[in-house]
Amino acid sequence: MRRRSGSCLCGAVAYSVEGEPLRVGLCHCADCRKSSGSAFVFFAVWPRGAFSHSGEISTFAGRSFCPACGGRLFCLQEATVEIRLGSLDSPPTDLEPDHELWIKRREAWLRELPGAGQYAEDAN
């Protein structure tokens, strides 16, 4: 079973996840843009049971981060965990987004990902 690991910028918080993600996506919502300081967030979702972490975390509005360096890492939910893929130790070159969220806020200079589901807001 594939195991991926990641950490914050300073290394005080580390995590690992086993297996393949349930879904992989890009989010263009205002919260993701503001919290990342970028035009979108590249994320993936795994079952919560496949995830473990060490180190002290802080959480704001469901988003967990390192209190020392501020590095955004994951969102823990009851059944799943959403991981910011930029926090992986190795680039996730084998993971390709299968959907895009909040495309109504996508930058005009960004094009739709071919083959990825397109959602004006959340995919619910």
N, C-alpha and C. Protein backbone atom coordinates (compact mmCIF):
# COMPACT_ATOMS: atom_id res chain seq x y z
N MET A 1 0.85 -1.19 0.00
CA MET A 1 0.00 0.00 0.00
C MET A 1 0.89 1.24 0.00
N ARG A 2 0.58 2.17 -0.84
CA ARG A 2 1.35 3.41 -0.98
C ARG A 2 1.22 4.26 0.28
N ARG A 3 2.33 4.80 0.73
CA ARG A 3 2.34 5.70 1.89
C ARG A 3 3.00 7.01 1.49
N ARG A 4 2.32 8.10 1.78
CA ARG A 4 2.86 9.43 1.51
C ARG A 4 3.05 10.14 2.84
N SER A 5 4.07 11.00 2.91
CA SER A 5 4.30 11.76 4.13
C SER A 5 4.46 13.24 3.79
N GLY A 6 4.22 14.06 4.78
CA GLY A 6 4.34 15.49 4.59
C GLY A 6 4.62 16.17 5.91
N SER A 7 4.87 17.47 5.83
CA SER A 7 5.15 18.23 7.03
C SER A 7 4.96 19.72 6.75
N CYS A 8 5.01 20.48 7.84
CA CYS A 8 4.95 21.93 7.71
C CYS A 8 6.33 22.46 7.32
N LEU A 9 6.43 23.74 7.12
CA LEU A 9 7.68 24.37 6.69
C LEU A 9 8.81 24.17 7.70
N CYS A 10 8.52 24.28 8.99
CA CYS A 10 9.58 24.14 10.01
C CYS A 10 9.80 22.70 10.46
N GLY A 11 8.90 21.78 10.09
CA GLY A 11 9.05 20.37 10.43
C GLY A 11 8.49 19.98 11.79
N ALA A 12 7.87 20.90 12.51
CA ALA A 12 7.32 20.59 13.83
C ALA A 12 6.09 19.69 13.76
N VAL A 13 5.36 19.75 12.65
CA VAL A 13 4.19 18.90 12.45
C VAL A 13 4.47 18.01 11.23
N ALA A 14 4.27 16.72 11.43
CA ALA A 14 4.46 15.76 10.34
C ALA A 14 3.20 14.90 10.24
N TYR A 15 2.97 14.36 9.06
CA TYR A 15 1.82 13.48 8.88
C TYR A 15 2.14 12.41 7.84
N SER A 16 1.31 11.37 7.82
CA SER A 16 1.40 10.36 6.77
C SER A 16 0.00 9.90 6.43
N VAL A 17 -0.14 9.42 5.22
CA VAL A 17 -1.42 8.92 4.73
C VAL A 17 -1.13 7.69 3.88
N GLU A 18 -1.98 6.68 4.01
CA GLU A 18 -1.78 5.43 3.28
C GLU A 18 -2.87 5.24 2.23
N GLY A 19 -2.48 4.61 1.13
CA GLY A 19 -3.43 4.30 0.07
C GLY A 19 -3.61 5.46 -0.88
N GLU A 20 -4.56 5.28 -1.77
CA GLU A 20 -4.85 6.30 -2.77
C GLU A 20 -5.98 7.20 -2.30
N PRO A 21 -5.99 8.45 -2.72
CA PRO A 21 -7.05 9.36 -2.29
C PRO A 21 -8.41 9.00 -2.88
N LEU A 22 -9.44 9.43 -2.19
CA LEU A 22 -10.81 9.25 -2.68
C LEU A 22 -11.09 10.19 -3.85
N ARG A 23 -10.51 11.38 -3.77
CA ARG A 23 -10.65 12.38 -4.84
C ARG A 23 -9.53 13.39 -4.74
N VAL A 24 -9.26 14.04 -5.86
CA VAL A 24 -8.20 15.04 -5.97
C VAL A 24 -8.79 16.25 -6.67
N GLY A 25 -8.52 17.43 -6.16
CA GLY A 25 -9.14 18.59 -6.80
C GLY A 25 -8.38 19.89 -6.66
N LEU A 26 -8.92 20.88 -7.31
CA LEU A 26 -8.48 22.26 -7.19
C LEU A 26 -9.66 23.05 -6.66
N CYS A 27 -9.39 23.98 -5.74
CA CYS A 27 -10.46 24.83 -5.22
C CYS A 27 -10.09 26.28 -5.46
N HIS A 28 -11.03 27.02 -6.04
CA HIS A 28 -10.84 28.42 -6.37
C HIS A 28 -11.64 29.34 -5.44
N CYS A 29 -12.17 28.82 -4.32
CA CYS A 29 -13.02 29.63 -3.44
C CYS A 29 -12.20 30.72 -2.74
N ALA A 30 -12.91 31.72 -2.24
CA ALA A 30 -12.26 32.86 -1.58
C ALA A 30 -11.49 32.43 -0.34
N ASP A 31 -12.02 31.50 0.45
CA ASP A 31 -11.32 31.05 1.66
C ASP A 31 -10.00 30.37 1.31
N CYS A 32 -10.01 29.49 0.32
CA CYS A 32 -8.78 28.80 -0.08
C CYS A 32 -7.77 29.78 -0.66
N ARG A 33 -8.25 30.73 -1.43
CA ARG A 33 -7.35 31.73 -2.00
C ARG A 33 -6.69 32.55 -0.90
N LYS A 34 -7.49 33.02 0.06
CA LYS A 34 -6.94 33.85 1.13
C LYS A 34 -6.00 33.06 2.03
N SER A 35 -6.39 31.83 2.38
CA SER A 35 -5.55 31.06 3.31
C SER A 35 -4.26 30.57 2.66
N SER A 36 -4.25 30.45 1.33
CA SER A 36 -3.04 29.98 0.66
C SER A 36 -2.20 31.12 0.08
N GLY A 37 -2.84 32.27 -0.13
CA GLY A 37 -2.14 33.37 -0.78
C GLY A 37 -1.89 33.09 -2.25
N SER A 38 -2.69 32.21 -2.83
CA SER A 38 -2.52 31.82 -4.23
C SER A 38 -3.87 31.85 -4.94
N ALA A 39 -3.86 31.58 -6.23
CA ALA A 39 -5.08 31.63 -7.03
C ALA A 39 -6.00 30.43 -6.79
N PHE A 40 -5.47 29.32 -6.26
CA PHE A 40 -6.26 28.13 -5.98
C PHE A 40 -5.48 27.22 -5.03
N VAL A 41 -6.15 26.17 -4.55
CA VAL A 41 -5.52 25.18 -3.69
C VAL A 41 -5.63 23.82 -4.37
N PHE A 42 -4.53 23.07 -4.35
CA PHE A 42 -4.45 21.70 -4.86
C PHE A 42 -4.55 20.78 -3.66
N PHE A 43 -5.60 19.95 -3.61
CA PHE A 43 -5.86 19.12 -2.43
C PHE A 43 -6.31 17.72 -2.82
N ALA A 44 -6.28 16.82 -1.84
CA ALA A 44 -6.82 15.47 -2.02
C ALA A 44 -7.46 15.03 -0.71
N VAL A 45 -8.42 14.12 -0.82
CA VAL A 45 -9.17 13.63 0.33
C VAL A 45 -8.94 12.14 0.50
N TRP A 46 -8.62 11.73 1.74
CA TRP A 46 -8.44 10.33 2.10
C TRP A 46 -9.38 9.97 3.24
N PRO A 47 -9.66 8.67 3.44
CA PRO A 47 -10.40 8.26 4.63
C PRO A 47 -9.60 8.64 5.89
N ARG A 48 -10.27 9.07 6.92
CA ARG A 48 -9.60 9.50 8.16
C ARG A 48 -8.74 8.39 8.75
N GLY A 49 -9.17 7.14 8.62
CA GLY A 49 -8.42 6.02 9.16
C GLY A 49 -7.08 5.79 8.49
N ALA A 50 -6.87 6.36 7.31
CA ALA A 50 -5.61 6.20 6.58
C ALA A 50 -4.58 7.26 6.98
N PHE A 51 -4.96 8.15 7.89
CA PHE A 51 -4.16 9.34 8.22
C PHE A 51 -3.66 9.30 9.65
N SER A 52 -2.43 9.77 9.85
CA SER A 52 -1.91 9.99 11.21
C SER A 52 -1.00 11.21 11.18
N HIS A 53 -0.86 11.87 12.34
CA HIS A 53 0.03 13.03 12.41
C HIS A 53 0.70 13.11 13.77
N SER A 54 1.78 13.85 13.83
CA SER A 54 2.48 14.10 15.08
C SER A 54 2.81 15.59 15.16
N GLY A 55 2.97 16.08 16.37
CA GLY A 55 3.25 17.49 16.58
C GLY A 55 2.00 18.26 16.91
N GLU A 56 2.18 19.38 17.55
CA GLU A 56 1.06 20.24 17.95
C GLU A 56 0.51 21.00 16.75
N ILE A 57 -0.81 20.97 16.62
CA ILE A 57 -1.47 21.73 15.55
C ILE A 57 -2.41 22.76 16.16
N SER A 58 -2.67 23.79 15.41
CA SER A 58 -3.73 24.75 15.73
C SER A 58 -4.75 24.64 14.61
N THR A 59 -5.99 25.01 14.92
CA THR A 59 -7.05 24.90 13.93
C THR A 59 -7.88 26.17 13.93
N PHE A 60 -8.18 26.65 12.74
CA PHE A 60 -9.07 27.79 12.56
C PHE A 60 -10.07 27.44 11.48
N ALA A 61 -11.34 27.53 11.80
CA ALA A 61 -12.41 27.24 10.84
C ALA A 61 -12.22 25.88 10.16
N GLY A 62 -11.80 24.88 10.94
CA GLY A 62 -11.63 23.53 10.41
C GLY A 62 -10.33 23.28 9.68
N ARG A 63 -9.48 24.31 9.55
CA ARG A 63 -8.22 24.17 8.82
C ARG A 63 -7.07 24.08 9.81
N SER A 64 -6.33 22.98 9.77
CA SER A 64 -5.23 22.77 10.70
C SER A 64 -3.91 23.26 10.13
N PHE A 65 -3.09 23.82 11.01
CA PHE A 65 -1.81 24.39 10.61
C PHE A 65 -0.82 24.31 11.76
N CYS A 66 0.44 24.52 11.46
CA CYS A 66 1.50 24.53 12.47
C CYS A 66 1.47 25.87 13.20
N PRO A 67 1.39 25.86 14.54
CA PRO A 67 1.37 27.13 15.26
C PRO A 67 2.72 27.85 15.26
N ALA A 68 3.79 27.13 14.94
CA ALA A 68 5.13 27.76 14.92
C ALA A 68 5.40 28.50 13.62
N CYS A 69 5.18 27.83 12.48
CA CYS A 69 5.50 28.46 11.18
C CYS A 69 4.27 28.89 10.40
N GLY A 70 3.08 28.46 10.82
CA GLY A 70 1.84 28.84 10.14
C GLY A 70 1.53 28.01 8.92
N GLY A 71 2.33 26.99 8.62
CA GLY A 71 2.11 26.16 7.44
C GLY A 71 0.78 25.45 7.47
N ARG A 72 -0.06 25.68 6.42
CA ARG A 72 -1.36 25.00 6.29
C ARG A 72 -1.13 23.58 5.83
N LEU A 73 -1.79 22.63 6.47
CA LEU A 73 -1.53 21.23 6.20
C LEU A 73 -2.76 20.42 5.80
N PHE A 74 -3.78 20.42 6.63
CA PHE A 74 -4.91 19.53 6.40
C PHE A 74 -6.16 20.05 7.10
N CYS A 75 -7.30 19.47 6.70
CA CYS A 75 -8.59 19.72 7.33
C CYS A 75 -9.10 18.36 7.81
N LEU A 76 -9.23 18.21 9.12
CA LEU A 76 -9.69 16.96 9.69
C LEU A 76 -11.21 16.98 9.83
N GLN A 77 -11.85 15.98 9.25
CA GLN A 77 -13.28 15.80 9.41
C GLN A 77 -13.51 14.45 10.07
N GLU A 78 -14.74 14.17 10.44
CA GLU A 78 -15.01 12.92 11.15
C GLU A 78 -14.62 11.69 10.34
N ALA A 79 -14.99 11.64 9.07
CA ALA A 79 -14.74 10.45 8.25
C ALA A 79 -13.59 10.61 7.27
N THR A 80 -13.16 11.84 7.01
CA THR A 80 -12.13 12.08 5.99
C THR A 80 -11.10 13.11 6.46
N VAL A 81 -10.03 13.21 5.70
CA VAL A 81 -9.04 14.26 5.90
C VAL A 81 -8.72 14.84 4.52
N GLU A 82 -8.70 16.16 4.44
CA GLU A 82 -8.35 16.85 3.20
C GLU A 82 -6.94 17.40 3.38
N ILE A 83 -6.03 16.97 2.53
CA ILE A 83 -4.62 17.35 2.65
C ILE A 83 -4.25 18.34 1.56
N ARG A 84 -3.56 19.40 1.95
CA ARG A 84 -2.97 20.34 1.00
C ARG A 84 -1.77 19.64 0.39
N LEU A 85 -1.85 19.32 -0.88
CA LEU A 85 -0.82 18.49 -1.52
C LEU A 85 0.54 19.16 -1.62
N GLY A 86 0.59 20.48 -1.55
CA GLY A 86 1.87 21.17 -1.54
C GLY A 86 2.68 20.90 -0.28
N SER A 87 2.04 20.35 0.76
CA SER A 87 2.76 20.05 2.01
C SER A 87 3.38 18.65 2.02
N LEU A 88 3.16 17.87 0.96
CA LEU A 88 3.80 16.55 0.87
C LEU A 88 5.31 16.70 0.74
N ASP A 89 6.05 15.75 1.29
CA ASP A 89 7.51 15.79 1.21
C ASP A 89 8.02 15.57 -0.20
N SER A 90 7.32 14.76 -0.97
CA SER A 90 7.68 14.52 -2.37
C SER A 90 6.57 15.08 -3.25
N PRO A 91 6.91 15.73 -4.34
CA PRO A 91 5.87 16.28 -5.21
C PRO A 91 4.88 15.20 -5.66
N PRO A 92 3.58 15.50 -5.62
CA PRO A 92 2.56 14.51 -5.98
C PRO A 92 2.34 14.42 -7.49
N THR A 93 3.38 14.11 -8.22
CA THR A 93 3.31 14.10 -9.68
C THR A 93 2.36 13.02 -10.22
N ASP A 94 2.01 12.05 -9.39
CA ASP A 94 1.10 10.99 -9.84
C ASP A 94 -0.36 11.31 -9.55
N LEU A 95 -0.63 12.41 -8.90
CA LEU A 95 -2.01 12.78 -8.58
C LEU A 95 -2.47 13.91 -9.50
N GLU A 96 -3.58 13.66 -10.18
CA GLU A 96 -4.12 14.64 -11.11
C GLU A 96 -5.53 15.01 -10.68
N PRO A 97 -5.86 16.29 -10.63
CA PRO A 97 -7.20 16.69 -10.21
C PRO A 97 -8.29 16.06 -11.07
N ASP A 98 -9.32 15.52 -10.39
CA ASP A 98 -10.47 14.98 -11.11
C ASP A 98 -11.66 15.93 -11.07
N HIS A 99 -11.50 17.04 -10.31
CA HIS A 99 -12.56 18.05 -10.28
C HIS A 99 -12.01 19.40 -9.86
N GLU A 100 -12.76 20.45 -10.21
CA GLU A 100 -12.46 21.81 -9.79
C GLU A 100 -13.69 22.39 -9.12
N LEU A 101 -13.47 23.03 -7.97
CA LEU A 101 -14.56 23.64 -7.21
C LEU A 101 -14.51 25.15 -7.31
N TRP A 102 -15.66 25.78 -7.18
CA TRP A 102 -15.78 27.24 -7.18
C TRP A 102 -15.19 27.87 -8.44
N ILE A 103 -15.50 27.25 -9.58
CA ILE A 103 -14.95 27.77 -10.84
C ILE A 103 -15.50 29.15 -11.18
N LYS A 104 -16.60 29.54 -10.56
CA LYS A 104 -17.12 30.88 -10.81
C LYS A 104 -16.16 31.95 -10.28
N ARG A 105 -15.19 31.54 -9.46
CA ARG A 105 -14.16 32.45 -8.96
C ARG A 105 -12.78 32.18 -9.57
N ARG A 106 -12.72 31.24 -10.48
CA ARG A 106 -11.44 30.91 -11.13
C ARG A 106 -10.95 32.12 -11.92
N GLU A 107 -9.65 32.39 -11.88
CA GLU A 107 -9.06 33.49 -12.63
C GLU A 107 -9.33 33.29 -14.12
N ALA A 108 -9.63 34.37 -14.82
CA ALA A 108 -9.96 34.30 -16.24
C ALA A 108 -8.81 33.75 -17.07
N TRP A 109 -7.58 33.92 -16.61
CA TRP A 109 -6.41 33.44 -17.36
C TRP A 109 -6.12 31.96 -17.11
N LEU A 110 -6.84 31.33 -16.17
CA LEU A 110 -6.71 29.89 -15.94
C LEU A 110 -7.75 29.16 -16.77
N ARG A 111 -7.35 28.10 -17.41
CA ARG A 111 -8.28 27.33 -18.24
C ARG A 111 -8.78 26.11 -17.48
N GLU A 112 -9.94 25.65 -17.88
CA GLU A 112 -10.54 24.43 -17.34
C GLU A 112 -9.61 23.24 -17.56
N LEU A 113 -9.50 22.37 -16.55
CA LEU A 113 -8.69 21.16 -16.70
C LEU A 113 -9.47 20.14 -17.53
N PRO A 114 -8.91 19.69 -18.64
CA PRO A 114 -9.61 18.71 -19.47
C PRO A 114 -9.93 17.44 -18.68
N GLY A 115 -11.15 17.00 -18.78
CA GLY A 115 -11.57 15.75 -18.13
C GLY A 115 -11.94 15.89 -16.67
N ALA A 116 -11.72 17.05 -16.05
CA ALA A 116 -12.06 17.24 -14.64
C ALA A 116 -13.47 17.79 -14.52
N GLY A 117 -14.22 17.28 -13.54
CA GLY A 117 -15.55 17.81 -13.28
C GLY A 117 -15.46 19.28 -12.91
N GLN A 118 -16.42 20.06 -13.34
CA GLN A 118 -16.43 21.50 -13.10
C GLN A 118 -17.66 21.86 -12.27
N TYR A 119 -17.41 22.52 -11.14
CA TYR A 119 -18.50 22.88 -10.23
C TYR A 119 -18.45 24.37 -9.94
N ALA A 120 -19.56 25.06 -10.14
CA ALA A 120 -19.63 26.51 -9.90
C ALA A 120 -19.31 26.82 -8.44
N GLU A 121 -19.75 25.94 -7.53
CA GLU A 121 -19.46 26.09 -6.10
C GLU A 121 -18.98 24.75 -5.60
N ASP A 122 -19.48 24.29 -4.45
CA ASP A 122 -19.09 22.97 -3.94
C ASP A 122 -19.71 21.85 -4.78
N ALA A 123 -19.15 20.68 -4.68
CA ALA A 123 -19.61 19.55 -5.47
C ALA A 123 -20.78 18.81 -4.82
N ASN A 124 -21.26 19.27 -3.68
CA ASN A 124 -22.33 18.57 -2.96
C ASN A 124 -23.55 18.44 -3.76
